[in-house]
Amino acid sequence: MSEAPDTTPPDEDEPTAGLLAPRRVAIQLVGFVIGVGLLVWCVKTALASGGDAWHRIGDASPWLVAGLAGCSIVSLVVNGTSFWLVARPIRALRL
């Protein structure tokens, strides 16, 4: 039979040696560069239409813009909470 994974939280004094491992840093840098590239692509695509999309947002009802921002914030909170609840049994997370 396989053993259950160790779910005890790490000691506060124990350094995390693998935190700045070169491979881990390289993977995070690649992910960051891809994310910035996608953001630049999205902005260029939005501006390529002559700014028509920005005028449409400016002409929109304040309630629609507030609803869009509100839904984005609710989505962030719900996704963050679900991640926290799922990861909590694996390792103690500090807020």
PDB file of N, CA and C in Angstrom:
ATOM      1  N   MET A   1       0.833  -1.192   0.000  1.00  0.00           N
ATOM      2  CA  MET A   1       0.000   0.000   0.000  1.00  0.00           C
ATOM      3  C   MET A   1       0.873   1.250   0.000  1.00  0.00           C
ATOM      4  N   SER A   2       0.358   2.300  -0.563  1.00  0.00           N
ATOM      5  CA  SER A   2       1.123   3.547  -0.593  1.00  0.00           C
ATOM      6  C   SER A   2       0.828   4.347   0.670  1.00  0.00           C
ATOM      7  N   GLU A   3       1.832   5.100   1.089  1.00  0.00           N
ATOM      8  CA  GLU A   3       1.678   5.927   2.281  1.00  0.00           C
ATOM      9  C   GLU A   3       0.964   7.220   1.933  1.00  0.00           C
ATOM     10  N   ALA A   4       0.270   7.762   2.927  1.00  0.00           N
ATOM     11  CA  ALA A   4      -0.369   9.063   2.741  1.00  0.00           C
ATOM     12  C   ALA A   4       0.719  10.135   2.761  1.00  0.00           C
ATOM     13  N   PRO A   5       0.554  11.187   1.968  1.00  0.00           N
ATOM     14  CA  PRO A   5       1.569  12.250   1.956  1.00  0.00           C
ATOM     15  C   PRO A   5       1.629  12.959   3.305  1.00  0.00           C
ATOM     16  N   ASP A   6       2.810  13.451   3.631  1.00  0.00           N
ATOM     17  CA  ASP A   6       3.018  14.184   4.877  1.00  0.00           C
ATOM     18  C   ASP A   6       2.351  15.543   4.768  1.00  0.00           C
ATOM     19  N   THR A   7       1.367  15.786   5.617  1.00  0.00           N
ATOM     20  CA  THR A   7       0.627  17.050   5.565  1.00  0.00           C
ATOM     21  C   THR A   7       0.970  17.950   6.738  1.00  0.00           C
ATOM     22  N   THR A   8       2.014  17.617   7.473  1.00  0.00           N
ATOM     23  CA  THR A   8       2.393  18.480   8.587  1.00  0.00           C
ATOM     24  C   THR A   8       3.010  19.764   8.049  1.00  0.00           C
ATOM     25  N   PRO A   9       2.651  20.889   8.639  1.00  0.00           N
ATOM     26  CA  PRO A   9       3.211  22.153   8.149  1.00  0.00           C
ATOM     27  C   PRO A   9       4.702  22.224   8.440  1.00  0.00           C
ATOM     28  N   PRO A  10       5.467  22.887   7.578  1.00  0.00           N
ATOM     29  CA  PRO A  10       6.908  22.995   7.809  1.00  0.00           C
ATOM     30  C   PRO A  10       7.191  23.856   9.030  1.00  0.00           C
ATOM     31  N   ASP A  11       8.334  23.595   9.664  1.00  0.00           N
ATOM     32  CA  ASP A  11       8.743  24.401  10.810  1.00  0.00           C
ATOM     33  C   ASP A  11       8.990  25.832  10.353  1.00  0.00           C
ATOM     34  N   GLU A  12       8.707  26.773  11.236  1.00  0.00           N
ATOM     35  CA  GLU A  12       8.913  28.180  10.911  1.00  0.00           C
ATOM     36  C   GLU A  12      10.394  28.502  10.708  1.00  0.00           C
ATOM     37  N   ASP A  13      11.286  27.780  11.434  1.00  0.00           N
ATOM     38  CA  ASP A  13      12.710  28.062  11.363  1.00  0.00           C
ATOM     39  C   ASP A  13      13.389  27.347  10.203  1.00  0.00           C
ATOM     40  N   GLU A  14      12.721  26.390   9.608  1.00  0.00           N
ATOM     41  CA  GLU A  14      13.324  25.588   8.542  1.00  0.00           C
ATOM     42  C   GLU A  14      13.342  26.386   7.238  1.00  0.00           C
ATOM     43  N   PRO A  15      14.523  26.627   6.662  1.00  0.00           N
ATOM     44  CA  PRO A  15      14.576  27.382   5.401  1.00  0.00           C
ATOM     45  C   PRO A  15      14.058  26.522   4.245  1.00  0.00           C
ATOM     46  N   THR A  16      13.445  27.161   3.295  1.00  0.00           N
ATOM     47  CA  THR A  16      12.954  26.445   2.119  1.00  0.00           C
ATOM     48  C   THR A  16      14.030  26.514   1.053  1.00  0.00           C
ATOM     49  N   ALA A  17      14.819  25.460   0.956  1.00  0.00           N
ATOM     50  CA  ALA A  17      15.970  25.443   0.058  1.00  0.00           C
ATOM     51  C   ALA A  17      15.555  25.486  -1.408  1.00  0.00           C
ATOM     52  N   GLY A  18      14.430  24.859  -1.748  1.00  0.00           N
ATOM     53  CA  GLY A  18      14.030  24.800  -3.140  1.00  0.00           C
ATOM     54  C   GLY A  18      13.289  26.012  -3.635  1.00  0.00           C
ATOM     55  N   LEU A  19      13.114  27.002  -2.795  1.00  0.00           N
ATOM     56  CA  LEU A  19      12.315  28.163  -3.183  1.00  0.00           C
ATOM     57  C   LEU A  19      12.952  28.948  -4.323  1.00  0.00           C
ATOM     58  N   LEU A  20      14.260  29.102  -4.312  1.00  0.00           N
ATOM     59  CA  LEU A  20      14.943  29.864  -5.352  1.00  0.00           C
ATOM     60  C   LEU A  20      15.811  28.964  -6.230  1.00  0.00           C
ATOM     61  N   ALA A  21      15.368  27.751  -6.425  1.00  0.00           N
ATOM     62  CA  ALA A  21      16.102  26.838  -7.296  1.00  0.00           C
ATOM     63  C   ALA A  21      16.129  27.413  -8.709  1.00  0.00           C
ATOM     64  N   PRO A  22      17.253  27.295  -9.408  1.00  0.00           N
ATOM     65  CA  PRO A  22      17.377  27.896 -10.749  1.00  0.00           C
ATOM     66  C   PRO A  22      16.288  27.434 -11.719  1.00  0.00           C
ATOM     67  N   ARG A  23      15.943  26.165 -11.667  1.00  0.00           N
ATOM     68  CA  ARG A  23      14.912  25.662 -12.585  1.00  0.00           C
ATOM     69  C   ARG A  23      13.565  26.312 -12.284  1.00  0.00           C
ATOM     70  N   ARG A  24      13.255  26.444 -11.014  1.00  0.00           N
ATOM     71  CA  ARG A  24      11.981  27.051 -10.619  1.00  0.00           C
ATOM     72  C   ARG A  24      11.930  28.521 -11.036  1.00  0.00           C
ATOM     73  N   VAL A  25      13.022  29.228 -10.855  1.00  0.00           N
ATOM     74  CA  VAL A  25      13.086  30.642 -11.252  1.00  0.00           C
ATOM     75  C   VAL A  25      12.941  30.772 -12.760  1.00  0.00           C
ATOM     76  N   ALA A  26      13.601  29.891 -13.503  1.00  0.00           N
ATOM     77  CA  ALA A  26      13.525  29.932 -14.969  1.00  0.00           C
ATOM     78  C   ALA A  26      12.095  29.691 -15.448  1.00  0.00           C
ATOM     79  N   ILE A  27      11.412  28.727 -14.844  1.00  0.00           N
ATOM     80  CA  ILE A  27      10.027  28.438 -15.241  1.00  0.00           C
ATOM     81  C   ILE A  27       9.132  29.634 -14.936  1.00  0.00           C
ATOM     82  N   GLN A  28       9.335  30.265 -13.783  1.00  0.00           N
ATOM     83  CA  GLN A  28       8.511  31.426 -13.452  1.00  0.00           C
ATOM     84  C   GLN A  28       8.805  32.600 -14.380  1.00  0.00           C
ATOM     85  N   LEU A  29      10.066  32.785 -14.750  1.00  0.00           N
ATOM     86  CA  LEU A  29      10.406  33.866 -15.686  1.00  0.00           C
ATOM     87  C   LEU A  29       9.780  33.632 -17.056  1.00  0.00           C
ATOM     88  N   VAL A  30       9.811  32.380 -17.522  1.00  0.00           N
ATOM     89  CA  VAL A  30       9.180  32.062 -18.810  1.00  0.00           C
ATOM     90  C   VAL A  30       7.681  32.338 -18.739  1.00  0.00           C
ATOM     91  N   GLY A  31       7.037  31.937 -17.653  1.00  0.00           N
ATOM     92  CA  GLY A  31       5.611  32.207 -17.488  1.00  0.00           C
ATOM     93  C   GLY A  31       5.312  33.696 -17.445  1.00  0.00           C
ATOM     94  N   PHE A  32       6.173  34.453 -16.765  1.00  0.00           N
ATOM     95  CA  PHE A  32       5.989  35.900 -16.686  1.00  0.00           C
ATOM     96  C   PHE A  32       6.116  36.548 -18.057  1.00  0.00           C
ATOM     97  N   VAL A  33       7.126  36.136 -18.819  1.00  0.00           N
ATOM     98  CA  VAL A  33       7.339  36.701 -20.160  1.00  0.00           C
ATOM     99  C   VAL A  33       6.156  36.368 -21.068  1.00  0.00           C
ATOM    100  N   ILE A  34       5.656  35.136 -20.988  1.00  0.00           N
ATOM    101  CA  ILE A  34       4.488  34.761 -21.793  1.00  0.00           C
ATOM    102  C   ILE A  34       3.279  35.599 -21.392  1.00  0.00           C
ATOM    103  N   GLY A  35       3.073  35.802 -20.087  1.00  0.00           N
ATOM    104  CA  GLY A  35       1.944  36.605 -19.621  1.00  0.00           C
ATOM    105  C   GLY A  35       2.028  38.047 -20.082  1.00  0.00           C
ATOM    106  N   VAL A  36       3.213  38.643 -20.005  1.00  0.00           N
ATOM    107  CA  VAL A  36       3.386  40.022 -20.468  1.00  0.00           C
ATOM    108  C   VAL A  36       3.171  40.091 -21.977  1.00  0.00           C
ATOM    109  N   GLY A  37       3.673  39.110 -22.700  1.00  0.00           N
ATOM    110  CA  GLY A  37       3.466  39.077 -24.147  1.00  0.00           C
ATOM    111  C   GLY A  37       1.992  39.007 -24.513  1.00  0.00           C
ATOM    112  N   LEU A  38       1.233  38.172 -23.797  1.00  0.00           N
ATOM    113  CA  LEU A  38      -0.205  38.085 -24.057  1.00  0.00           C
ATOM    114  C   LEU A  38      -0.922  39.390 -23.709  1.00  0.00           C
ATOM    115  N   LEU A  39      -0.500  40.042 -22.651  1.00  0.00           N
ATOM    116  CA  LEU A  39      -1.100  41.321 -22.290  1.00  0.00           C
ATOM    117  C   LEU A  39      -0.833  42.374 -23.357  1.00  0.00           C
ATOM    118  N   VAL A  40       0.403  42.438 -23.847  1.00  0.00           N
ATOM    119  CA  VAL A  40       0.754  43.384 -24.917  1.00  0.00           C
ATOM    120  C   VAL A  40      -0.053  43.083 -26.167  1.00  0.00           C
ATOM    121  N   TRP A  41      -0.194  41.806 -26.502  1.00  0.00           N
ATOM    122  CA  TRP A  41      -0.975  41.419 -27.679  1.00  0.00           C
ATOM    123  C   TRP A  41      -2.433  41.860 -27.534  1.00  0.00           C
ATOM    124  N   CYS A  42      -3.013  41.680 -26.340  1.00  0.00           N
ATOM    125  CA  CYS A  42      -4.405  42.086 -26.123  1.00  0.00           C
ATOM    126  C   CYS A  42      -4.573  43.595 -26.273  1.00  0.00           C
ATOM    127  N   VAL A  43      -3.643  44.359 -25.716  1.00  0.00           N
ATOM    128  CA  VAL A  43      -3.737  45.819 -25.817  1.00  0.00           C
ATOM    129  C   VAL A  43      -3.561  46.262 -27.264  1.00  0.00           C
ATOM    130  N   LYS A  44      -2.598  45.669 -27.984  1.00  0.00           N
ATOM    131  CA  LYS A  44      -2.401  46.026 -29.398  1.00  0.00           C
ATOM    132  C   LYS A  44      -3.638  45.696 -30.218  1.00  0.00           C
ATOM    133  N   THR A  45      -4.266  44.551 -29.943  1.00  0.00           N
ATOM    134  CA  THR A  45      -5.472  44.167 -30.672  1.00  0.00           C
ATOM    135  C   THR A  45      -6.608  45.144 -30.384  1.00  0.00           C
ATOM    136  N   ALA A  46      -6.729  45.560 -29.124  1.00  0.00           N
ATOM    137  CA  ALA A  46      -7.792  46.501 -28.768  1.00  0.00           C
ATOM    138  C   ALA A  46      -7.559  47.865 -29.405  1.00  0.00           C
ATOM    139  N   LEU A  47      -6.304  48.295 -29.476  1.00  0.00           N
ATOM    140  CA  LEU A  47      -6.003  49.598 -30.059  1.00  0.00           C
ATOM    141  C   LEU A  47      -5.993  49.577 -31.582  1.00  0.00           C
ATOM    142  N   ALA A  48      -5.855  48.389 -32.182  1.00  0.00           N
ATOM    143  CA  ALA A  48      -5.808  48.279 -33.638  1.00  0.00           C
ATOM    144  C   ALA A  48      -7.142  48.648 -34.287  1.00  0.00           C
ATOM    145  N   SER A  49      -8.214  48.556 -33.530  1.00  0.00           N
ATOM    146  CA  SER A  49      -9.523  48.887 -34.090  1.00  0.00           C
ATOM    147  C   SER A  49      -9.768  50.394 -34.082  1.00  0.00           C
ATOM    148  N   GLY A  50      -8.729  51.174 -33.880  1.00  0.00           N
ATOM    149  CA  GLY A  50      -8.875  52.626 -33.904  1.00  0.00           C
ATOM    150  C   GLY A  50      -9.432  53.177 -32.606  1.00  0.00           C
ATOM    151  N   GLY A  51      -9.417  52.386 -31.567  1.00  0.00           N
ATOM    152  CA  GLY A  51      -9.928  52.859 -30.285  1.00  0.00           C
ATOM    153  C   GLY A  51     -11.435  52.832 -30.199  1.00  0.00           C
ATOM    154  N   ASP A  52     -12.097  52.188 -31.168  1.00  0.00           N
ATOM    155  CA  ASP A  52     -13.560  52.133 -31.171  1.00  0.00           C
ATOM    156  C   ASP A  52     -14.088  51.436 -29.920  1.00  0.00           C
ATOM    157  N   ALA A  53     -13.389  50.393 -29.478  1.00  0.00           N
ATOM    158  CA  ALA A  53     -13.838  49.657 -28.294  1.00  0.00           C
ATOM    159  C   ALA A  53     -13.780  50.540 -27.050  1.00  0.00           C
ATOM    160  N   TRP A  54     -12.753  51.398 -26.954  1.00  0.00           N
ATOM    161  CA  TRP A  54     -12.647  52.273 -25.798  1.00  0.00           C
ATOM    162  C   TRP A  54     -13.772  53.307 -25.795  1.00  0.00           C
ATOM    163  N   HIS A  55     -14.173  53.785 -26.966  1.00  0.00           N
ATOM    164  CA  HIS A  55     -15.283  54.741 -27.045  1.00  0.00           C
ATOM    165  C   HIS A  55     -16.589  54.069 -26.631  1.00  0.00           C
ATOM    166  N   ARG A  56     -16.735  52.811 -27.006  1.00  0.00           N
ATOM    167  CA  ARG A  56     -17.956  52.090 -26.630  1.00  0.00           C
ATOM    168  C   ARG A  56     -18.030  51.932 -25.113  1.00  0.00           C
ATOM    169  N   ILE A  57     -16.889  51.682 -24.462  1.00  0.00           N
ATOM    170  CA  ILE A  57     -16.891  51.563 -23.004  1.00  0.00           C
ATOM    171  C   ILE A  57     -17.178  52.923 -22.373  1.00  0.00           C
ATOM    172  N   GLY A  58     -16.619  53.975 -22.956  1.00  0.00           N
ATOM    173  CA  GLY A  58     -16.867  55.318 -22.439  1.00  0.00           C
ATOM    174  C   GLY A  58     -18.314  55.749 -22.580  1.00  0.00           C
ATOM    175  N   ASP A  59     -18.988  55.261 -23.605  1.00  0.00           N
ATOM    176  CA  ASP A  59     -20.385  55.606 -23.833  1.00  0.00           C
ATOM    177  C   ASP A  59     -21.352  54.678 -23.110  1.00  0.00           C
ATOM    178  N   ALA A  60     -20.839  53.628 -22.473  1.00  0.00           N
ATOM    179  CA  ALA A  60     -21.697  52.652 -21.799  1.00  0.00           C
ATOM    180  C   ALA A  60     -22.289  53.240 -20.526  1.00  0.00           C
ATOM    181  N   SER A  61     -23.383  52.653 -20.108  1.00  0.00           N
ATOM    182  CA  SER A  61     -24.035  53.067 -18.870  1.00  0.00           C
ATOM    183  C   SER A  61     -23.097  52.803 -17.683  1.00  0.00           C
ATOM    184  N   PRO A  62     -23.062  53.711 -16.729  1.00  0.00           N
ATOM    185  CA  PRO A  62     -22.217  53.491 -15.542  1.00  0.00           C
ATOM    186  C   PRO A  62     -22.568  52.197 -14.810  1.00  0.00           C
ATOM    187  N   TRP A  63     -23.828  51.794 -14.864  1.00  0.00           N
ATOM    188  CA  TRP A  63     -24.237  50.545 -14.213  1.00  0.00           C
ATOM    189  C   TRP A  63     -23.608  49.340 -14.898  1.00  0.00           C
ATOM    190  N   LEU A  64     -23.484  49.393 -16.217  1.00  0.00           N
ATOM    191  CA  LEU A  64     -22.862  48.280 -16.932  1.00  0.00           C
ATOM    192  C   LEU A  64     -21.369  48.178 -16.616  1.00  0.00           C
ATOM    193  N   VAL A  65     -20.707  49.333 -16.557  1.00  0.00           N
ATOM    194  CA  VAL A  65     -19.276  49.338 -16.233  1.00  0.00           C
ATOM    195  C   VAL A  65     -19.069  48.865 -14.795  1.00  0.00           C
ATOM    196  N   ALA A  66     -19.913  49.320 -13.870  1.00  0.00           N
ATOM    197  CA  ALA A  66     -19.820  48.883 -12.481  1.00  0.00           C
ATOM    198  C   ALA A  66     -20.098  47.382 -12.367  1.00  0.00           C
ATOM    199  N   GLY A  67     -21.057  46.900 -13.144  1.00  0.00           N
ATOM    200  CA  GLY A  67     -21.352  45.462 -13.143  1.00  0.00           C
ATOM    201  C   GLY A  67     -20.186  44.643 -13.663  1.00  0.00           C
ATOM    202  N   LEU A  68     -19.529  45.145 -14.699  1.00  0.00           N
ATOM    203  CA  LEU A  68     -18.359  44.464 -15.239  1.00  0.00           C
ATOM    204  C   LEU A  68     -17.237  44.404 -14.211  1.00  0.00           C
ATOM    205  N   ALA A  69     -16.957  45.527 -13.560  1.00  0.00           N
ATOM    206  CA  ALA A  69     -15.918  45.556 -12.528  1.00  0.00           C
ATOM    207  C   ALA A  69     -16.311  44.689 -11.334  1.00  0.00           C
ATOM    208  N   GLY A  70     -17.570  44.747 -10.942  1.00  0.00           N
ATOM    209  CA  GLY A  70     -18.049  43.939  -9.810  1.00  0.00           C
ATOM    210  C   GLY A  70     -17.944  42.449 -10.072  1.00  0.00           C
ATOM    211  N   CYS A  71     -18.317  42.033 -11.280  1.00  0.00           N
ATOM    212  CA  CYS A  71     -18.211  40.612 -11.622  1.00  0.00           C
ATOM    213  C   CYS A  71     -16.756  40.156 -11.643  1.00  0.00           C
ATOM    214  N   SER A  72     -15.864  41.015 -12.092  1.00  0.00           N
ATOM    215  CA  SER A  72     -14.442  40.673 -12.088  1.00  0.00           C
ATOM    216  C   SER A  72     -13.930  40.500 -10.661  1.00  0.00           C
ATOM    217  N   ILE A  73     -14.331  41.392  -9.768  1.00  0.00           N
ATOM    218  CA  ILE A  73     -13.895  41.298  -8.369  1.00  0.00           C
ATOM    219  C   ILE A  73     -14.479  40.054  -7.709  1.00  0.00           C
ATOM    220  N   VAL A  74     -15.751  39.771  -7.947  1.00  0.00           N
ATOM    221  CA  VAL A  74     -16.375  38.569  -7.374  1.00  0.00           C
ATOM    222  C   VAL A  74     -15.676  37.320  -7.902  1.00  0.00           C
ATOM    223  N   SER A  75     -15.339  37.303  -9.176  1.00  0.00           N
ATOM    224  CA  SER A  75     -14.637  36.165  -9.750  1.00  0.00           C
ATOM    225  C   SER A  75     -13.284  35.954  -9.082  1.00  0.00           C
ATOM    226  N   LEU A  76     -12.542  37.044  -8.850  1.00  0.00           N
ATOM    227  CA  LEU A  76     -11.255  36.935  -8.161  1.00  0.00           C
ATOM    228  C   LEU A  76     -11.418  36.365  -6.758  1.00  0.00           C
ATOM    229  N   VAL A  77     -12.408  36.849  -6.034  1.00  0.00           N
ATOM    230  CA  VAL A  77     -12.622  36.385  -4.659  1.00  0.00           C
ATOM    231  C   VAL A  77     -13.034  34.917  -4.637  1.00  0.00           C
ATOM    232  N   VAL A  78     -13.958  34.532  -5.502  1.00  0.00           N
ATOM    233  CA  VAL A  78     -14.425  33.141  -5.528  1.00  0.00           C
ATOM    234  C   VAL A  78     -13.299  32.198  -5.936  1.00  0.00           C
ATOM    235  N   ASN A  79     -12.533  32.549  -6.967  1.00  0.00           N
ATOM    236  CA  ASN A  79     -11.431  31.687  -7.397  1.00  0.00           C
ATOM    237  C   ASN A  79     -10.338  31.602  -6.341  1.00  0.00           C
ATOM    238  N   GLY A  80     -10.004  32.712  -5.711  1.00  0.00           N
ATOM    239  CA  GLY A  80      -8.998  32.694  -4.657  1.00  0.00           C
ATOM    240  C   GLY A  80      -9.439  31.876  -3.459  1.00  0.00           C
ATOM    241  N   THR A  81     -10.703  32.017  -3.084  1.00  0.00           N
ATOM    242  CA  THR A  81     -11.228  31.247  -1.957  1.00  0.00           C
ATOM    243  C   THR A  81     -11.261  29.760  -2.261  1.00  0.00           C
ATOM    244  N   SER A  82     -11.680  29.398  -3.469  1.00  0.00           N
ATOM    245  CA  SER A  82     -11.723  27.971  -3.806  1.00  0.00           C
ATOM    246  C   SER A  82     -10.316  27.381  -3.847  1.00  0.00           C
ATOM    247  N   PHE A  83      -9.337  28.133  -4.341  1.00  0.00           N
ATOM    248  CA  PHE A  83      -7.959  27.643  -4.322  1.00  0.00           C
ATOM    249  C   PHE A  83      -7.489  27.455  -2.891  1.00  0.00           C
ATOM    250  N   TRP A  84      -7.763  28.420  -2.037  1.00  0.00           N
ATOM    251  CA  TRP A  84      -7.339  28.354  -0.647  1.00  0.00           C
ATOM    252  C   TRP A  84      -7.974  27.154   0.055  1.00  0.00           C
ATOM    253  N   LEU A  85      -9.263  26.921  -0.186  1.00  0.00           N
ATOM    254  CA  LEU A  85      -9.952  25.803   0.462  1.00  0.00           C
ATOM    255  C   LEU A  85      -9.431  24.457  -0.034  1.00  0.00           C
ATOM    256  N   VAL A  86      -9.099  24.365  -1.306  1.00  0.00           N
ATOM    257  CA  VAL A  86      -8.602  23.101  -1.852  1.00  0.00           C
ATOM    258  C   VAL A  86      -7.171  22.838  -1.397  1.00  0.00           C
ATOM    259  N   ALA A  87      -6.333  23.874  -1.338  1.00  0.00           N
ATOM    260  CA  ALA A  87      -4.927  23.695  -0.973  1.00  0.00           C
ATOM    261  C   ALA A  87      -4.721  23.589   0.534  1.00  0.00           C
ATOM    262  N   ARG A  88      -5.668  24.017   1.303  1.00  0.00           N
ATOM    263  CA  ARG A  88      -5.527  24.034   2.756  1.00  0.00           C
ATOM    264  C   ARG A  88      -5.243  22.663   3.371  1.00  0.00           C
ATOM    265  N   PRO A  89      -5.925  21.588   2.958  1.00  0.00           N
ATOM    266  CA  PRO A  89      -5.605  20.292   3.558  1.00  0.00           C
ATOM    267  C   PRO A  89      -4.186  19.793   3.216  1.00  0.00           C
ATOM    268  N   ILE A  90      -3.602  20.281   2.163  1.00  0.00           N
ATOM    269  CA  ILE A  90      -2.278  19.818   1.740  1.00  0.00           C
ATOM    270  C   ILE A  90      -1.187  20.512   2.543  1.00  0.00           C
ATOM    271  N   ARG A  91      -1.288  21.810   2.684  1.00  0.00           N
ATOM    272  CA  ARG A  91      -0.264  22.585   3.388  1.00  0.00           C
ATOM    273  C   ARG A  91      -0.945  23.802   4.017  1.00  0.00           C
ATOM    274  N   ALA A  92      -0.555  24.108   5.231  1.00  0.00           N
ATOM    275  CA  ALA A  92      -1.124  25.267   5.908  1.00  0.00           C
ATOM    276  C   ALA A  92      -0.730  26.530   5.143  1.00  0.00           C
ATOM    277  N   LEU A  93      -1.711  27.356   4.809  1.00  0.00           N
ATOM    278  CA  LEU A  93      -1.468  28.588   4.074  1.00  0.00           C
ATOM    279  C   LEU A  93      -1.663  29.774   4.993  1.00  0.00           C
ATOM    280  N   ARG A  94      -0.732  30.705   4.920  1.00  0.00           N
ATOM    281  CA  ARG A  94      -0.886  31.943   5.686  1.00  0.00           C
ATOM    282  C   ARG A  94      -1.579  32.970   4.823  1.00  0.00           C
ATOM    283  N   LEU A  95      -2.411  33.767   5.433  1.00  0.00           N
ATOM    284  CA  LEU A  95      -3.098  34.826   4.691  1.00  0.00           C
ATOM    285  C   LEU A  95      -2.301  36.083   4.695  1.00  0.00           C
TER     286      LEU A  95
END
